Amino acid sequence: MAVKRAETKKEKLIRLPIQLCAATVLFVVDLWIKAAVKGSGLTEKAKNLISGVLSLTFTKNTGAAWGIFRDKPQLLSFFVAAALLAIAVYSVIGRSNRIVQVCLTMIFAGGAGNLADRIVNGYVTDYISCDFIDFPVFNFADCLIVVGCILLMVYLIYDTVREMKTKKTPAEQQNG
């Protein structure tokens, strides 16, 4: 990934609290929605929001996506905590632009929300069900993680292609 210039200490001192506040707001929103779903009396029986398209259902997910690590919650929690630590360290000492930092903030907030839910309850509260496809029930934190990862991948591919186009081959350098 091409980095145009190093971020100044002043810029980093401004960016880090903004990132922390954004991650905290997203984290709190996620936990608030999960608490509302649990307190609503919603059961595993779906409540239609848009008939045949979207419904709400309360599901306790002890694993990750598609039930992976269902029988290994401690290992899953360890991996998530390690990923969150890596994102936090990179956010403090890494050099990246705003797009990457927004993506990392979304991924961090979603991961932290699901990890906190898993630690407190022993499961992650899932509640969004897509009725038009056979897809696992998910939650707001999952949306943050997926959207953050997709945006990050798209940006990194774009940036790599852009960098390759601007980089001259040795033959091009000789020809001027």
Protein backbone atom coordinates (compact mmCIF):
# COMPACT_ATOMS: atom_id res chain seq x y z
CA MET A 1 0.00 0.00 0.00
CA ALA A 2 1.44 3.32 -1.02
CA VAL A 3 1.80 5.85 1.76
CA LYS A 4 2.15 9.40 0.46
CA ARG A 5 3.63 10.97 3.55
CA ALA A 6 4.13 10.14 7.17
CA GLU A 7 1.36 11.21 9.51
CA THR A 8 2.54 13.93 11.87
CA LYS A 9 2.35 13.45 15.64
CA LYS A 10 -0.26 16.20 15.79
CA GLU A 11 -2.43 14.47 13.18
CA LYS A 12 -2.13 11.17 15.02
CA LEU A 13 -3.02 12.82 18.35
CA ILE A 14 -6.18 14.18 16.71
CA ARG A 15 -7.06 10.97 14.80
CA LEU A 16 -6.66 8.45 17.62
CA PRO A 17 -9.28 9.96 19.98
CA ILE A 18 -11.71 10.32 17.07
CA GLN A 19 -11.18 6.67 16.15
CA LEU A 20 -11.60 5.62 19.78
CA CYS A 21 -14.82 7.63 20.11
CA ALA A 22 -16.21 6.21 16.84
CA ALA A 23 -15.35 2.65 17.87
CA THR A 24 -16.89 3.23 21.30
CA VAL A 25 -20.13 4.60 19.82
CA LEU A 26 -20.42 1.63 17.42
CA PHE A 27 -19.59 -0.80 20.26
CA VAL A 28 -22.25 0.72 22.54
CA VAL A 29 -24.86 0.74 19.74
CA ASP A 30 -24.16 -2.95 19.11
CA LEU A 31 -24.50 -3.88 22.79
CA TRP A 32 -27.63 -1.74 23.13
CA ILE A 33 -29.30 -3.47 20.16
CA LYS A 34 -28.37 -6.89 21.55
CA ALA A 35 -29.80 -5.97 24.98
CA ALA A 36 -33.00 -4.67 23.33
CA VAL A 37 -33.37 -7.89 21.34
CA LYS A 38 -32.87 -10.04 24.45
CA GLY A 39 -35.28 -7.88 26.48
CA SER A 40 -37.94 -7.78 23.76
CA GLY A 41 -39.20 -11.29 24.31
CA LEU A 42 -38.22 -12.14 20.76
CA THR A 43 -37.73 -15.87 20.34
CA GLU A 44 -36.25 -18.06 17.65
CA LYS A 45 -39.56 -17.68 15.86
CA ALA A 46 -39.02 -14.96 13.28
CA LYS A 47 -40.85 -11.63 13.37
CA ASN A 48 -41.25 -10.41 9.80
CA LEU A 49 -39.98 -6.93 9.04
CA ILE A 50 -40.28 -7.25 5.26
CA SER A 51 -42.23 -10.38 4.35
CA GLY A 52 -40.04 -12.90 2.55
CA VAL A 53 -36.99 -10.62 2.75
CA LEU A 54 -35.98 -9.69 6.29
CA SER A 55 -37.02 -10.75 9.77
CA LEU A 56 -35.87 -10.54 13.37
CA THR A 57 -35.15 -13.69 15.33
CA PHE A 58 -33.24 -14.26 18.57
CA THR A 59 -30.42 -16.77 18.18
CA LYS A 60 -27.60 -17.67 20.57
CA ASN A 61 -24.46 -18.24 18.52
CA THR A 62 -21.68 -20.02 20.41
CA GLY A 63 -19.42 -20.12 17.37
CA ALA A 64 -18.39 -17.75 14.61
CA ALA A 65 -19.78 -17.43 11.08
CA TRP A 66 -21.62 -20.56 9.93
CA GLY A 67 -21.02 -22.09 13.37
CA ILE A 68 -17.25 -22.57 13.02
CA PHE A 69 -15.43 -22.90 16.36
CA ARG A 70 -18.81 -23.72 17.98
CA ASP A 71 -17.11 -26.24 20.26
CA LYS A 72 -14.05 -24.07 20.94
CA PRO A 73 -15.30 -20.75 22.40
CA GLN A 74 -12.08 -20.06 24.32
CA LEU A 75 -9.96 -20.51 21.20
CA LEU A 76 -12.33 -18.28 19.23
CA SER A 77 -12.18 -15.61 21.94
CA PHE A 78 -8.38 -15.82 21.94
CA PHE A 79 -8.21 -15.30 18.14
CA VAL A 80 -10.63 -12.37 18.29
CA ALA A 81 -8.74 -10.76 21.17
CA ALA A 82 -5.44 -11.19 19.29
CA ALA A 83 -6.95 -9.61 16.16
CA LEU A 84 -8.31 -6.70 18.20
CA LEU A 85 -4.91 -6.18 19.80
CA ALA A 86 -3.23 -6.22 16.37
CA ILE A 87 -5.71 -3.64 15.04
CA ALA A 88 -5.20 -1.43 18.10
CA VAL A 89 -1.41 -1.60 17.84
CA TYR A 90 -1.48 -0.90 14.10
CA SER A 91 -3.83 2.04 14.65
CA VAL A 92 -1.35 3.56 17.11
CA ILE A 93 1.98 2.84 15.39
CA GLY A 94 1.05 2.03 11.78
CA ARG A 95 1.07 4.39 8.85
CA SER A 96 -2.13 4.43 6.85
CA ASN A 97 -4.72 6.76 5.45
CA ARG A 98 -8.23 7.66 6.58
CA ILE A 99 -9.94 4.97 4.51
CA VAL A 100 -7.89 2.21 6.13
CA GLN A 101 -8.43 3.69 9.59
CA VAL A 102 -12.22 3.88 9.09
CA CYS A 103 -12.25 0.24 7.98
CA LEU A 104 -10.14 -0.83 10.95
CA THR A 105 -12.38 1.13 13.33
CA MET A 106 -15.45 -0.69 11.99
CA ILE A 107 -13.75 -4.10 12.23
CA PHE A 108 -12.48 -3.34 15.74
CA ALA A 109 -15.88 -2.15 17.02
CA GLY A 110 -17.69 -5.17 15.59
CA GLY A 111 -15.13 -7.63 16.91
CA ALA A 112 -15.15 -6.00 20.34
CA GLY A 113 -18.97 -6.07 20.46
CA ASN A 114 -19.15 -9.75 19.67
CA LEU A 115 -16.26 -10.58 22.02
CA ALA A 116 -17.90 -8.70 24.91
CA ASP A 117 -21.21 -10.47 24.25
CA ARG A 118 -19.44 -13.84 24.14
CA ILE A 119 -17.53 -13.18 27.39
CA VAL A 120 -20.57 -11.89 29.31
CA ASN A 121 -23.19 -14.35 28.00
CA GLY A 122 -21.20 -17.30 26.69
CA TYR A 123 -22.69 -16.70 23.24
CA VAL A 124 -23.17 -13.95 20.67
CA THR A 125 -26.67 -12.57 20.22
CA ASP A 126 -27.72 -12.78 16.56
CA TYR A 127 -31.04 -11.38 15.35
CA ILE A 128 -31.04 -10.35 11.66
CA SER A 129 -32.37 -13.00 9.30
CA CYS A 130 -32.34 -12.74 5.50
CA ASP A 131 -35.36 -14.76 4.43
CA PHE A 132 -34.72 -14.66 0.69
CA ILE A 133 -31.55 -16.79 0.95
CA ASP A 134 -30.34 -19.59 3.20
CA PHE A 135 -27.94 -17.52 5.30
CA PRO A 136 -26.97 -17.60 8.98
CA VAL A 137 -28.64 -15.16 11.36
CA PHE A 138 -26.29 -12.24 12.11
CA ASN A 139 -26.09 -8.94 14.01
CA PHE A 140 -24.95 -5.32 13.75
CA ALA A 141 -21.39 -6.18 14.86
CA ASP A 142 -21.16 -8.77 12.08
CA CYS A 143 -22.25 -6.08 9.61
CA LEU A 144 -19.50 -3.76 10.85
CA ILE A 145 -16.88 -6.50 10.47
CA VAL A 146 -18.02 -7.59 7.00
CA VAL A 147 -18.47 -4.08 5.59
CA GLY A 148 -15.14 -2.97 7.10
CA CYS A 149 -13.33 -5.99 5.61
CA ILE A 150 -14.94 -5.60 2.17
CA LEU A 151 -14.15 -1.89 2.00
CA LEU A 152 -10.59 -2.56 3.14
CA MET A 153 -10.09 -5.28 0.50
CA VAL A 154 -11.55 -3.09 -2.26
CA TYR A 155 -9.34 -0.19 -1.23
CA LEU A 156 -6.20 -2.34 -1.03
CA ILE A 157 -6.87 -3.83 -4.48
CA TYR A 158 -7.53 -0.35 -5.90
CA ASP A 159 -4.40 1.05 -4.27
CA THR A 160 -2.24 -1.86 -5.49
CA VAL A 161 -3.49 -1.49 -9.06
CA ARG A 162 -2.98 2.28 -8.94
CA GLU A 163 0.53 1.81 -7.60
CA MET A 164 1.37 -0.75 -10.29
CA LYS A 165 0.18 1.64 -13.01
CA THR A 166 2.34 4.49 -11.71
CA LYS A 167 5.42 2.35 -11.13
CA LYS A 168 7.77 2.34 -14.12
CA THR A 169 9.54 -0.78 -15.28
CA PRO A 170 13.37 -0.60 -15.72
CA ALA A 171 12.90 -0.31 -19.54
CA GLU A 172 10.45 2.58 -19.07
CA GLN A 173 12.86 4.33 -16.70
CA GLN A 174 15.67 4.19 -19.29
CA ASN A 175 13.44 5.56 -22.01
CA GLY A 176 12.42 8.41 -19.82
